[in-house]
Amino acid sequence: MLPPINETDARVHRQRNWVATFVTLLVLGLIGAFVWRVLFLANQIRSGEVDPASFARTQTFTTNLRLAAIPLSEQPGGVFSEDDPSSGRTDAPLTIVEFADFGCPYSREAGFTMRELAINYPEKFRYIYRDFPITDIHPLAQKAAEAGECAAEQGRFWEYHDKLYQNQSDLSQDRLYAFAKELGLNAGAFRSCLDSGSKRAEVLEDSQAGLNAGVRGTPTFFLNGQKAEGVIPKETLEQWISSLP
C-alpha cells in the first residue's frame, strides 16, 4: 500500500513544476525573439527596406574598456598573426585588431574611421585588419576578401581596402578586376591570384581565428586584446588614442 500523499509536499511539488515550466518558456521565448530580430533585420537590409548606414548610426555603443599599454607578448594569442595587413608602429602602445566584412555597411563605416585615425595617429597605435566575411548576408564578401589578399600580395592592400568600401554596392568579380586595374596593380597577376582561389584558405583562417576569439558579427575590434563589438564612435576612439603616451 502506497503511503498517503502529504498535501503540503504536493503543493510544493506543483509550484516547483510551475516555476520550472515558466523559466523554460521564458528562456525559449527570449531565444526565439532574438533569432526573429536577427532574421527580421537581415531580411529588411537585404530587401532594401532599411538603409544599413542609417541603421548603424542609430545603434549605441557601450563599453567599459580600460585601455592600457600592454606589451604584444602579453596580449591574447590567436587574435592576429604577423602576416595580416597592418599599419602603424609595431611597438605602438595600442594594437587594434579589426574583424570586418567588405559587404557589411557597419564595417564600411568603421573602416573609414579606422583609416582616418591610422593616418592621423601613426605613432600611437597599430591597426591590423582581418577578414570575417558573413556570406549568408553578403554572398560576394568572400571573393572580395580574397581580392584584398591578392592586392596585399602586391603591397597594395590598404588602397584596395578603401576601393572596396567606396564601391560596396557592386562587388561582382568583374568589378574586383576593374578595381585592381584602376589602382595600377599588375592586372594579370591579380586576376591569376583571384581566379586560382589561392587566398581562400587565408580568408577562412582569419574567420576561424575570429570565431575562436568570440567574434559573432562585424565589425568586431580587439583593443590590446579587449573585445569591443559594433561601430565605435570616432570621437570615442580618438579620445582613447590621443590620450596614449
Foldseek 3Di string as FASTA:
>chain_A
DDDDDDPVVVVVVVVVVVVVVVVVVVVVVVVVVVVCVVVVVLVCVLVVVDDQLVVQVPDDFDDPDDQWQDAPVPADPLLDDPPFDKAADPNASKEKEKEAFLLHSQQLVQVVLVVVVCVVCRHHYMYGYAYAHPCVRPVLRLLLVQLLVLCVVVVRNVQSSNVSSVPSVDSDPVVSLVSCVVVPHPSVSSCVSSVVCPCNVVNVSRNVSCVVLPDDDPTWMQMSNRITHTRDDSVVVVVVRVPGD
